[in-house]
Amino acid sequence: MRLRLYFISLWSIVDPIYYYFTRLRYLDSPAGSPPIFRVRLTKYKGRNVVLSDGTAINRNDILVKIHLHNVRLLKDLNEIHNDVKKSVILYHKVKQSLPYLSRYIERHGKKSEIKGIIGITFINKGIKRLGFEQVEILNPFYKWYKLMTLYPIHLISGSHSSLKGNKKPCPSYLFMSKDGLISKYGNQE
């Protein structure tokens, strides 16, 4: 527990530097309830994917990359030891943030070029209810790289019971088309 708090404190110091160098942006929101995402535009470099609504995501398409604000999440969830309760809280934080993401895209100067949103995660529960589609990362080097960068977060955020499980976490892409996002979460602020 003490090591976890130390790591969160250290990460809180490093996070603004990470934020600066990754060109992330905060989503606009009312005071007191900031969205859990930080975002940036990216050109997609993976394999071609067709989403369930027919949206084709191809190499070099412009997507909004979403990053969970992990330091904030870890601080918010630090005192909660039940994994189910943590999952429910995370689900609601993401759901509450998606209308702000929709507004960000609707007001963006490159709205017509943006095909959708992308994230990379170990999380696989509740994503379909939110409107995301999960796609396996096929490139073994990129998959390994993401495993190495996400694993420390997984270790710090998990309870002892979840860490003893024998299921190895596996990073995957999460996609949602722009039209799917706007139709589900537009004008909900």
N, C-alpha and C. Protein backbone atom coordinates (compact mmCIF):
# COMPACT_ATOMS: atom_id res chain seq x y z
N MET A 1 0.82 -1.19 0.00
CA MET A 1 0.00 0.00 0.00
C MET A 1 0.87 1.26 0.00
N ARG A 2 1.90 1.26 0.81
CA ARG A 2 2.79 2.42 0.88
C ARG A 2 3.50 2.62 -0.46
N LEU A 3 3.92 1.52 -1.09
CA LEU A 3 4.58 1.59 -2.40
C LEU A 3 3.62 2.16 -3.44
N ARG A 4 2.36 1.77 -3.37
CA ARG A 4 1.35 2.28 -4.30
C ARG A 4 1.22 3.80 -4.16
N LEU A 5 1.14 4.29 -2.93
CA LEU A 5 1.03 5.73 -2.70
C LEU A 5 2.27 6.48 -3.18
N TYR A 6 3.43 5.88 -2.96
CA TYR A 6 4.68 6.48 -3.43
C TYR A 6 4.67 6.59 -4.96
N PHE A 7 4.26 5.51 -5.62
CA PHE A 7 4.22 5.51 -7.08
C PHE A 7 3.23 6.55 -7.60
N ILE A 8 2.06 6.64 -6.98
CA ILE A 8 1.07 7.62 -7.41
C ILE A 8 1.60 9.04 -7.22
N SER A 9 2.30 9.29 -6.13
CA SER A 9 2.89 10.62 -5.90
C SER A 9 3.95 10.94 -6.94
N LEU A 10 4.80 9.97 -7.23
CA LEU A 10 5.83 10.16 -8.25
C LEU A 10 5.20 10.40 -9.61
N TRP A 11 4.20 9.63 -9.94
CA TRP A 11 3.52 9.76 -11.22
C TRP A 11 2.84 11.12 -11.34
N SER A 12 2.32 11.64 -10.23
CA SER A 12 1.68 12.95 -10.23
C SER A 12 2.67 14.04 -10.61
N ILE A 13 3.93 13.84 -10.28
CA ILE A 13 4.98 14.79 -10.64
C ILE A 13 5.35 14.66 -12.11
N VAL A 14 5.43 13.42 -12.59
CA VAL A 14 5.85 13.15 -13.97
C VAL A 14 4.72 13.41 -14.97
N ASP A 15 3.47 13.27 -14.54
CA ASP A 15 2.33 13.36 -15.45
C ASP A 15 2.27 14.66 -16.25
N PRO A 16 2.51 15.84 -15.68
CA PRO A 16 2.47 17.06 -16.50
C PRO A 16 3.51 17.06 -17.63
N ILE A 17 4.65 16.42 -17.39
CA ILE A 17 5.67 16.32 -18.44
C ILE A 17 5.17 15.39 -19.54
N TYR A 18 4.61 14.25 -19.14
CA TYR A 18 4.01 13.31 -20.10
C TYR A 18 2.92 14.01 -20.91
N TYR A 19 2.08 14.75 -20.23
CA TYR A 19 0.98 15.48 -20.87
C TYR A 19 1.53 16.43 -21.93
N TYR A 20 2.57 17.15 -21.60
CA TYR A 20 3.15 18.12 -22.53
C TYR A 20 3.73 17.44 -23.77
N PHE A 21 4.53 16.40 -23.57
CA PHE A 21 5.21 15.77 -24.69
C PHE A 21 4.30 14.90 -25.56
N THR A 22 3.18 14.48 -25.06
CA THR A 22 2.26 13.67 -25.86
C THR A 22 1.20 14.51 -26.55
N ARG A 23 1.24 15.81 -26.37
CA ARG A 23 0.31 16.75 -27.01
C ARG A 23 -1.15 16.47 -26.66
N LEU A 24 -1.37 15.93 -25.48
CA LEU A 24 -2.73 15.66 -25.03
C LEU A 24 -3.45 16.97 -24.70
N ARG A 25 -4.78 16.93 -24.79
CA ARG A 25 -5.60 18.07 -24.45
C ARG A 25 -6.71 17.60 -23.52
N TYR A 26 -7.08 18.48 -22.61
CA TYR A 26 -8.23 18.21 -21.76
C TYR A 26 -9.50 18.58 -22.52
N LEU A 27 -10.56 17.86 -22.26
CA LEU A 27 -11.86 18.19 -22.85
C LEU A 27 -12.50 19.30 -22.03
N ASP A 28 -13.19 20.22 -22.71
CA ASP A 28 -13.94 21.27 -22.01
C ASP A 28 -15.09 20.64 -21.24
N SER A 29 -15.31 21.15 -20.04
CA SER A 29 -16.40 20.62 -19.22
C SER A 29 -16.75 21.65 -18.15
N PRO A 30 -17.90 21.46 -17.51
CA PRO A 30 -18.24 22.36 -16.41
C PRO A 30 -17.26 22.20 -15.25
N ALA A 31 -17.07 23.25 -14.51
CA ALA A 31 -16.16 23.19 -13.36
C ALA A 31 -16.63 22.14 -12.37
N GLY A 32 -15.67 21.42 -11.81
CA GLY A 32 -15.99 20.45 -10.77
C GLY A 32 -16.21 19.03 -11.26
N SER A 33 -16.38 18.84 -12.55
CA SER A 33 -16.60 17.48 -13.05
C SER A 33 -15.81 17.24 -14.33
N PRO A 34 -14.49 17.29 -14.26
CA PRO A 34 -13.70 17.13 -15.48
C PRO A 34 -13.81 15.72 -16.04
N PRO A 35 -13.89 15.59 -17.38
CA PRO A 35 -13.92 14.26 -18.00
C PRO A 35 -12.65 13.47 -17.66
N ILE A 36 -12.76 12.17 -17.71
CA ILE A 36 -11.66 11.29 -17.35
C ILE A 36 -10.69 11.08 -18.52
N PHE A 37 -11.05 11.62 -19.70
CA PHE A 37 -10.18 11.48 -20.87
C PHE A 37 -9.30 12.70 -21.07
N ARG A 38 -8.16 12.44 -21.67
CA ARG A 38 -7.37 13.47 -22.33
C ARG A 38 -7.22 12.96 -23.75
N VAL A 39 -7.17 13.86 -24.72
CA VAL A 39 -7.27 13.43 -26.11
C VAL A 39 -6.24 14.12 -27.00
N ARG A 40 -6.05 13.55 -28.17
CA ARG A 40 -5.28 14.20 -29.24
C ARG A 40 -5.65 13.54 -30.56
N LEU A 41 -5.44 14.27 -31.64
CA LEU A 41 -5.64 13.68 -32.96
C LEU A 41 -4.45 12.80 -33.29
N THR A 42 -4.72 11.72 -34.01
CA THR A 42 -3.65 10.81 -34.42
C THR A 42 -3.98 10.24 -35.78
N LYS A 43 -2.96 9.84 -36.50
CA LYS A 43 -3.16 9.09 -37.74
C LYS A 43 -3.03 7.62 -37.39
N TYR A 44 -4.04 6.86 -37.73
CA TYR A 44 -4.08 5.44 -37.41
C TYR A 44 -3.03 4.68 -38.23
N LYS A 45 -2.28 3.80 -37.57
CA LYS A 45 -1.20 3.05 -38.23
C LYS A 45 -1.42 1.54 -38.22
N GLY A 46 -2.56 1.09 -37.74
CA GLY A 46 -2.82 -0.36 -37.67
C GLY A 46 -3.41 -0.90 -38.95
N ARG A 47 -3.89 -2.14 -38.85
CA ARG A 47 -4.52 -2.78 -40.02
C ARG A 47 -5.90 -2.17 -40.25
N ASN A 48 -6.41 -2.33 -41.46
CA ASN A 48 -7.74 -1.82 -41.78
C ASN A 48 -8.80 -2.56 -40.97
N VAL A 49 -9.78 -1.80 -40.49
CA VAL A 49 -10.84 -2.35 -39.65
C VAL A 49 -12.17 -1.79 -40.15
N VAL A 50 -13.19 -2.63 -40.23
CA VAL A 50 -14.53 -2.17 -40.54
C VAL A 50 -15.38 -2.36 -39.29
N LEU A 51 -15.94 -1.26 -38.80
CA LEU A 51 -16.75 -1.29 -37.59
C LEU A 51 -18.17 -1.78 -37.90
N SER A 52 -18.90 -2.13 -36.89
CA SER A 52 -20.23 -2.72 -37.08
C SER A 52 -21.21 -1.80 -37.79
N ASP A 53 -21.00 -0.47 -37.72
CA ASP A 53 -21.89 0.45 -38.43
C ASP A 53 -21.44 0.70 -39.87
N GLY A 54 -20.40 -0.04 -40.31
CA GLY A 54 -19.90 0.09 -41.68
C GLY A 54 -18.76 1.07 -41.85
N THR A 55 -18.40 1.79 -40.81
CA THR A 55 -17.29 2.74 -40.90
C THR A 55 -15.98 1.98 -41.10
N ALA A 56 -15.26 2.33 -42.16
CA ALA A 56 -13.97 1.71 -42.45
C ALA A 56 -12.87 2.59 -41.87
N ILE A 57 -12.05 2.00 -41.02
CA ILE A 57 -10.89 2.69 -40.45
C ILE A 57 -9.67 2.14 -41.18
N ASN A 58 -9.01 3.01 -41.94
CA ASN A 58 -7.86 2.60 -42.74
C ASN A 58 -6.60 3.32 -42.28
N ARG A 59 -5.47 2.79 -42.72
CA ARG A 59 -4.17 3.38 -42.39
C ARG A 59 -4.18 4.86 -42.76
N ASN A 60 -3.68 5.68 -41.85
CA ASN A 60 -3.56 7.14 -41.98
C ASN A 60 -4.88 7.90 -41.84
N ASP A 61 -5.98 7.22 -41.52
CA ASP A 61 -7.21 7.94 -41.19
C ASP A 61 -6.99 8.71 -39.90
N ILE A 62 -7.67 9.84 -39.78
CA ILE A 62 -7.55 10.66 -38.58
C ILE A 62 -8.57 10.18 -37.55
N LEU A 63 -8.06 9.90 -36.36
CA LEU A 63 -8.88 9.47 -35.23
C LEU A 63 -8.56 10.34 -34.03
N VAL A 64 -9.48 10.40 -33.10
CA VAL A 64 -9.21 11.04 -31.81
C VAL A 64 -8.76 9.93 -30.88
N LYS A 65 -7.53 10.04 -30.41
CA LYS A 65 -6.99 9.05 -29.48
C LYS A 65 -7.36 9.47 -28.07
N ILE A 66 -7.98 8.55 -27.34
CA ILE A 66 -8.38 8.85 -25.97
C ILE A 66 -7.42 8.19 -24.99
N HIS A 67 -7.05 8.94 -23.97
CA HIS A 67 -6.19 8.45 -22.89
C HIS A 67 -6.95 8.64 -21.59
N LEU A 68 -7.11 7.58 -20.84
CA LEU A 68 -7.66 7.74 -19.50
C LEU A 68 -6.65 8.53 -18.66
N HIS A 69 -7.14 9.41 -17.83
CA HIS A 69 -6.27 10.19 -16.94
C HIS A 69 -5.94 9.28 -15.75
N ASN A 70 -4.92 8.43 -15.94
CA ASN A 70 -4.63 7.35 -14.99
C ASN A 70 -4.26 7.83 -13.60
N VAL A 71 -3.51 8.91 -13.49
CA VAL A 71 -3.13 9.41 -12.16
C VAL A 71 -4.38 9.79 -11.38
N ARG A 72 -5.27 10.51 -12.04
CA ARG A 72 -6.52 10.91 -11.38
C ARG A 72 -7.35 9.70 -10.99
N LEU A 73 -7.43 8.74 -11.90
CA LEU A 73 -8.18 7.51 -11.61
C LEU A 73 -7.60 6.77 -10.43
N LEU A 74 -6.28 6.61 -10.43
CA LEU A 74 -5.64 5.89 -9.33
C LEU A 74 -5.88 6.59 -7.99
N LYS A 75 -5.84 7.91 -7.98
CA LYS A 75 -6.12 8.65 -6.75
C LYS A 75 -7.57 8.45 -6.32
N ASP A 76 -8.49 8.53 -7.29
CA ASP A 76 -9.92 8.38 -6.98
C ASP A 76 -10.26 6.99 -6.48
N LEU A 77 -9.57 5.98 -7.00
CA LEU A 77 -9.90 4.58 -6.68
C LEU A 77 -8.98 3.97 -5.62
N ASN A 78 -8.04 4.75 -5.10
CA ASN A 78 -7.03 4.22 -4.19
C ASN A 78 -7.60 3.56 -2.94
N GLU A 79 -8.64 4.13 -2.38
CA GLU A 79 -9.21 3.61 -1.14
C GLU A 79 -10.25 2.50 -1.36
N ILE A 80 -10.55 2.21 -2.61
CA ILE A 80 -11.54 1.18 -2.92
C ILE A 80 -10.81 -0.13 -3.19
N HIS A 81 -11.15 -1.16 -2.46
CA HIS A 81 -10.44 -2.44 -2.58
C HIS A 81 -11.24 -3.51 -3.30
N ASN A 82 -12.47 -3.22 -3.63
CA ASN A 82 -13.32 -4.17 -4.34
C ASN A 82 -13.22 -3.92 -5.84
N ASP A 83 -12.75 -4.92 -6.59
CA ASP A 83 -12.55 -4.76 -8.03
C ASP A 83 -13.85 -4.48 -8.78
N VAL A 84 -14.94 -5.07 -8.35
CA VAL A 84 -16.23 -4.84 -9.01
C VAL A 84 -16.64 -3.38 -8.82
N LYS A 85 -16.48 -2.87 -7.62
CA LYS A 85 -16.82 -1.47 -7.35
C LYS A 85 -15.94 -0.53 -8.17
N LYS A 86 -14.64 -0.85 -8.28
CA LYS A 86 -13.73 -0.05 -9.11
C LYS A 86 -14.20 -0.03 -10.55
N SER A 87 -14.59 -1.20 -11.06
CA SER A 87 -15.04 -1.31 -12.45
C SER A 87 -16.30 -0.49 -12.69
N VAL A 88 -17.23 -0.52 -11.75
CA VAL A 88 -18.47 0.24 -11.89
C VAL A 88 -18.18 1.74 -11.90
N ILE A 89 -17.31 2.18 -11.02
CA ILE A 89 -16.95 3.60 -10.97
C ILE A 89 -16.27 4.02 -12.27
N LEU A 90 -15.34 3.22 -12.76
CA LEU A 90 -14.65 3.53 -14.02
C LEU A 90 -15.66 3.59 -15.17
N TYR A 91 -16.56 2.63 -15.23
CA TYR A 91 -17.59 2.60 -16.28
C TYR A 91 -18.37 3.92 -16.29
N HIS A 92 -18.81 4.36 -15.12
CA HIS A 92 -19.61 5.58 -15.04
C HIS A 92 -18.78 6.83 -15.36
N LYS A 93 -17.52 6.86 -14.97
CA LYS A 93 -16.66 8.00 -15.31
C LYS A 93 -16.48 8.10 -16.83
N VAL A 94 -16.28 6.96 -17.49
CA VAL A 94 -16.14 6.95 -18.95
C VAL A 94 -17.46 7.38 -19.59
N LYS A 95 -18.56 6.82 -19.14
CA LYS A 95 -19.88 7.15 -19.71
C LYS A 95 -20.19 8.64 -19.56
N GLN A 96 -19.85 9.22 -18.41
CA GLN A 96 -20.09 10.64 -18.18
C GLN A 96 -19.18 11.53 -19.04
N SER A 97 -18.04 11.00 -19.47
CA SER A 97 -17.08 11.78 -20.25
C SER A 97 -17.37 11.74 -21.75
N LEU A 98 -18.07 10.74 -22.21
CA LEU A 98 -18.29 10.58 -23.65
C LEU A 98 -19.09 11.73 -24.29
N PRO A 99 -20.09 12.34 -23.63
CA PRO A 99 -20.74 13.50 -24.24
C PRO A 99 -19.77 14.67 -24.49
N TYR A 100 -18.79 14.85 -23.62
CA TYR A 100 -17.80 15.91 -23.82
C TYR A 100 -16.87 15.58 -24.98
N LEU A 101 -16.59 14.31 -25.17
CA LEU A 101 -15.80 13.88 -26.31
C LEU A 101 -16.58 14.12 -27.60
N SER A 102 -17.86 13.84 -27.59
CA SER A 102 -18.72 14.09 -28.75
C SER A 102 -18.71 15.58 -29.09
N ARG A 103 -18.86 16.42 -28.07
CA ARG A 103 -18.84 17.87 -28.30
C ARG A 103 -17.49 18.32 -28.85
N TYR A 104 -16.40 17.76 -28.33
CA TYR A 104 -15.06 18.09 -28.81
C TYR A 104 -14.96 17.83 -30.32
N ILE A 105 -15.44 16.67 -30.76
CA ILE A 105 -15.37 16.33 -32.19
C ILE A 105 -16.30 17.23 -33.00
N GLU A 106 -17.52 17.45 -32.51
CA GLU A 106 -18.48 18.26 -33.25
C GLU A 106 -17.98 19.69 -33.47
N ARG A 107 -17.17 20.20 -32.55
CA ARG A 107 -16.66 21.57 -32.65
C ARG A 107 -15.26 21.65 -33.26
N HIS A 108 -14.65 20.51 -33.54
CA HIS A 108 -13.27 20.50 -34.03
C HIS A 108 -13.20 20.98 -35.47
N GLY A 109 -12.15 21.72 -35.79
CA GLY A 109 -11.93 22.22 -37.15
C GLY A 109 -11.78 21.11 -38.19
N LYS A 110 -11.35 19.95 -37.76
CA LYS A 110 -11.18 18.82 -38.68
C LYS A 110 -12.29 17.78 -38.52
N LYS A 111 -13.45 18.23 -38.07
CA LYS A 111 -14.56 17.30 -37.82
C LYS A 111 -14.84 16.40 -39.02
N SER A 112 -14.83 16.97 -40.21
CA SER A 112 -15.17 16.18 -41.40
C SER A 112 -14.12 15.11 -41.71
N GLU A 113 -12.89 15.31 -41.26
CA GLU A 113 -11.82 14.34 -41.52
C GLU A 113 -11.73 13.25 -40.44
N ILE A 114 -12.25 13.53 -39.27
CA ILE A 114 -12.16 12.58 -38.15
C ILE A 114 -13.12 11.42 -38.41
N LYS A 115 -12.57 10.18 -38.38
CA LYS A 115 -13.37 8.98 -38.64
C LYS A 115 -13.98 8.40 -37.36
N GLY A 116 -13.32 8.61 -36.23
CA GLY A 116 -13.81 8.01 -35.00
C GLY A 116 -12.82 8.21 -33.87
N ILE A 117 -12.96 7.36 -32.84
CA ILE A 117 -12.06 7.43 -31.70
C ILE A 117 -11.38 6.08 -31.51
N ILE A 118 -10.20 6.15 -30.90
CA ILE A 118 -9.41 4.95 -30.64
C ILE A 118 -8.79 5.06 -29.25
N GLY A 119 -8.71 3.94 -28.59
CA GLY A 119 -8.00 3.83 -27.33
C GLY A 119 -7.33 2.48 -27.28
N ILE A 120 -6.40 2.33 -26.38
CA ILE A 120 -5.73 1.04 -26.18
C ILE A 120 -5.84 0.72 -24.70
N THR A 121 -6.28 -0.50 -24.39
CA THR A 121 -6.59 -0.82 -23.00
C THR A 121 -6.48 -2.30 -22.71
N PHE A 122 -6.43 -2.61 -21.41
CA PHE A 122 -6.57 -3.99 -20.92
C PHE A 122 -8.04 -4.27 -20.59
N ILE A 123 -8.83 -3.22 -20.47
CA ILE A 123 -10.22 -3.36 -20.02
C ILE A 123 -11.05 -4.03 -21.11
N ASN A 124 -11.86 -5.01 -20.71
CA ASN A 124 -12.70 -5.67 -21.70
C ASN A 124 -14.14 -5.85 -21.24
N LYS A 125 -14.48 -5.40 -20.06
CA LYS A 125 -15.85 -5.53 -19.56
C LYS A 125 -16.58 -4.18 -19.67
N GLY A 126 -17.80 -4.23 -20.16
CA GLY A 126 -18.63 -3.04 -20.23
C GLY A 126 -18.39 -2.16 -21.43
N ILE A 127 -17.41 -2.48 -22.25
CA ILE A 127 -17.07 -1.59 -23.36
C ILE A 127 -18.13 -1.57 -24.45
N LYS A 128 -18.77 -2.70 -24.70
CA LYS A 128 -19.81 -2.76 -25.74
C LYS A 128 -21.02 -1.91 -25.34
N ARG A 129 -21.39 -1.94 -24.06
CA ARG A 129 -22.52 -1.13 -23.60
C ARG A 129 -22.24 0.36 -23.78
N LEU A 130 -20.97 0.73 -23.72
CA LEU A 130 -20.61 2.13 -23.93
C LEU A 130 -20.58 2.50 -25.41
N GLY A 131 -20.56 1.50 -26.29
CA GLY A 131 -20.53 1.76 -27.73
C GLY A 131 -19.20 1.46 -28.40
N PHE A 132 -18.23 0.96 -27.63
CA PHE A 132 -16.92 0.64 -28.19
C PHE A 132 -16.91 -0.74 -28.83
N GLU A 133 -16.02 -0.91 -29.78
CA GLU A 133 -15.75 -2.21 -30.37
C GLU A 133 -14.30 -2.55 -30.09
N GLN A 134 -14.06 -3.77 -29.64
CA GLN A 134 -12.71 -4.21 -29.29
C GLN A 134 -12.10 -4.95 -30.48
N VAL A 135 -10.85 -4.59 -30.80
CA VAL A 135 -10.13 -5.21 -31.91
C VAL A 135 -8.75 -5.61 -31.42
N GLU A 136 -8.37 -6.82 -31.73
CA GLU A 136 -7.08 -7.35 -31.30
C GLU A 136 -5.93 -6.59 -31.99
N ILE A 137 -4.87 -6.35 -31.25
CA ILE A 137 -3.64 -5.78 -31.83
C ILE A 137 -2.85 -6.96 -32.38
N LEU A 138 -2.61 -6.95 -33.69
CA LEU A 138 -1.94 -8.09 -34.32
C LEU A 138 -0.42 -7.97 -34.36
N ASN A 139 0.09 -6.74 -34.45
CA ASN A 139 1.53 -6.55 -34.52
C ASN A 139 2.16 -6.98 -33.19
N PRO A 140 2.97 -8.05 -33.19
CA PRO A 140 3.49 -8.57 -31.92
C PRO A 140 4.41 -7.58 -31.19
N PHE A 141 5.15 -6.77 -31.93
CA PHE A 141 6.06 -5.81 -31.29
C PHE A 141 5.28 -4.68 -30.63
N TYR A 142 4.27 -4.18 -31.34
CA TYR A 142 3.44 -3.11 -30.78
C TYR A 142 2.64 -3.63 -29.59
N LYS A 143 2.14 -4.84 -29.70
CA LYS A 143 1.38 -5.46 -28.60
C LYS A 143 2.27 -5.61 -27.36
N TRP A 144 3.50 -6.06 -27.56
CA TRP A 144 4.45 -6.20 -26.45
C TRP A 144 4.76 -4.84 -25.83
N TYR A 145 4.99 -3.83 -26.69
CA TYR A 145 5.27 -2.48 -26.22
C TYR A 145 4.11 -1.96 -25.36
N LYS A 146 2.88 -2.13 -25.83
CA LYS A 146 1.73 -1.67 -25.07
C LYS A 146 1.56 -2.46 -23.78
N LEU A 147 1.86 -3.74 -23.82
CA LEU A 147 1.80 -4.56 -22.61
C LEU A 147 2.77 -4.01 -21.56
N MET A 148 3.98 -3.67 -21.99
CA MET A 148 4.99 -3.15 -21.07
C MET A 148 4.61 -1.76 -20.52
N THR A 149 3.98 -0.93 -21.34
CA THR A 149 3.64 0.42 -20.87
C THR A 149 2.37 0.45 -20.02
N LEU A 150 1.45 -0.48 -20.27
CA LEU A 150 0.20 -0.51 -19.51
C LEU A 150 0.29 -1.36 -18.24
N TYR A 151 1.23 -2.29 -18.21
CA TYR A 151 1.30 -3.23 -17.10
C TYR A 151 1.54 -2.57 -15.74
N PRO A 152 2.41 -1.56 -15.65
CA PRO A 152 2.58 -0.91 -14.34
C PRO A 152 1.27 -0.31 -13.80
N ILE A 153 0.45 0.25 -14.69
CA ILE A 153 -0.85 0.78 -14.28
C ILE A 153 -1.73 -0.35 -13.76
N HIS A 154 -1.70 -1.46 -14.47
CA HIS A 154 -2.49 -2.63 -14.07
C HIS A 154 -2.06 -3.12 -12.68
N LEU A 155 -0.77 -3.18 -12.45
CA LEU A 155 -0.27 -3.65 -11.15
C LEU A 155 -0.68 -2.72 -10.02
N ILE A 156 -0.56 -1.42 -10.26
CA ILE A 156 -0.85 -0.46 -9.20
C ILE A 156 -2.35 -0.36 -8.93
N SER A 157 -3.16 -0.51 -9.97
CA SER A 157 -4.60 -0.34 -9.80
C SER A 157 -5.30 -1.58 -9.28
N GLY A 158 -4.69 -2.75 -9.44
CA GLY A 158 -5.36 -3.99 -9.06
C GLY A 158 -5.26 -4.30 -7.59
N SER A 159 -6.26 -5.05 -7.12
CA SER A 159 -6.19 -5.53 -5.74
C SER A 159 -5.35 -6.80 -5.72
N HIS A 160 -5.01 -7.26 -4.54
CA HIS A 160 -4.20 -8.48 -4.43
C HIS A 160 -4.92 -9.68 -5.04
N SER A 161 -6.23 -9.75 -4.89
CA SER A 161 -6.97 -10.89 -5.44
C SER A 161 -6.94 -10.89 -6.96
N SER A 162 -7.02 -9.70 -7.60
CA SER A 162 -7.01 -9.68 -9.06
C SER A 162 -5.62 -9.96 -9.60
N LEU A 163 -4.59 -9.65 -8.83
CA LEU A 163 -3.23 -9.90 -9.29
C LEU A 163 -2.86 -11.37 -9.18
N LYS A 164 -3.56 -12.11 -8.32
CA LYS A 164 -3.27 -13.53 -8.18
C LYS A 164 -3.94 -14.35 -9.28
N GLY A 165 -4.86 -13.75 -10.02
CA GLY A 165 -5.56 -14.46 -11.09
C GLY A 165 -4.57 -14.95 -12.13
N ASN A 166 -4.95 -15.99 -12.84
CA ASN A 166 -4.03 -16.56 -13.81
C ASN A 166 -4.25 -16.03 -15.21
N LYS A 167 -5.21 -15.13 -15.42
CA LYS A 167 -5.44 -14.58 -16.74
C LYS A 167 -4.50 -13.41 -16.98
N LYS A 168 -3.65 -13.54 -17.98
CA LYS A 168 -2.68 -12.50 -18.32
C LYS A 168 -3.40 -11.37 -19.08
N PRO A 169 -3.21 -10.12 -18.66
CA PRO A 169 -3.85 -9.02 -19.37
C PRO A 169 -3.31 -8.90 -20.80
N CYS A 170 -4.18 -8.52 -21.70
CA CYS A 170 -3.79 -8.40 -23.11
C CYS A 170 -4.31 -7.07 -23.65
N PRO A 171 -3.43 -6.21 -24.15
CA PRO A 171 -3.88 -4.93 -24.68
C PRO A 171 -4.66 -5.13 -25.99
N SER A 172 -5.65 -4.28 -26.19
CA SER A 172 -6.41 -4.31 -27.44
C SER A 172 -6.84 -2.90 -27.79
N TYR A 173 -7.19 -2.72 -29.07
CA TYR A 173 -7.74 -1.45 -29.52
C TYR A 173 -9.20 -1.36 -29.12
N LEU A 174 -9.65 -0.16 -28.81
CA LEU A 174 -11.07 0.15 -28.68
C LEU A 174 -11.38 1.20 -29.73
N PHE A 175 -12.40 0.94 -30.53
CA PHE A 175 -12.83 1.88 -31.56
C PHE A 175 -14.29 2.26 -31.33
N MET A 176 -14.62 3.47 -31.78
CA MET A 176 -16.00 3.88 -31.93
C MET A 176 -16.02 4.86 -33.10
N SER A 177 -16.97 4.69 -33.99
CA SER A 177 -17.06 5.62 -35.12
C SER A 177 -17.52 6.98 -34.63
N LYS A 178 -17.17 8.00 -35.39
CA LYS A 178 -17.61 9.36 -35.06
C LYS A 178 -19.14 9.43 -35.05
N ASP A 179 -19.76 8.84 -36.07
CA ASP A 179 -21.23 8.87 -36.14
C ASP A 179 -21.86 8.12 -34.97
N GLY A 180 -21.26 6.99 -34.59
CA GLY A 180 -21.77 6.23 -33.45
C GLY A 180 -21.66 7.02 -32.16
N LEU A 181 -20.54 7.70 -31.97
CA LEU A 181 -20.33 8.52 -30.77
C LEU A 181 -21.35 9.65 -30.71
N ILE A 182 -21.49 10.38 -31.83
CA ILE A 182 -22.37 11.55 -31.84
C ILE A 182 -23.84 11.13 -31.69
N SER A 183 -24.22 10.02 -32.35
CA SER A 183 -25.63 9.61 -32.24
C SER A 183 -25.96 9.11 -30.83
N LYS A 184 -24.99 8.52 -30.15
CA LYS A 184 -25.24 7.97 -28.81
C LYS A 184 -25.04 9.01 -27.70
N TYR A 185 -24.06 9.91 -27.88
CA TYR A 185 -23.69 10.82 -26.79
C TYR A 185 -23.78 12.30 -27.14
N GLY A 186 -24.13 12.65 -28.37
CA GLY A 186 -24.23 14.06 -28.75
C GLY A 186 -25.36 14.76 -28.00
N ASN A 187 -25.18 16.02 -27.69
CA ASN A 187 -26.20 16.85 -27.01
C ASN A 187 -26.70 16.25 -25.71
N GLN A 188 -25.80 15.69 -24.90
CA GLN A 188 -26.20 15.12 -23.60
C GLN A 188 -25.60 15.84 -22.40
N GLU A 189 -24.84 16.88 -22.63
CA GLU A 189 -24.11 17.51 -21.53
C GLU A 189 -25.00 17.94 -20.41
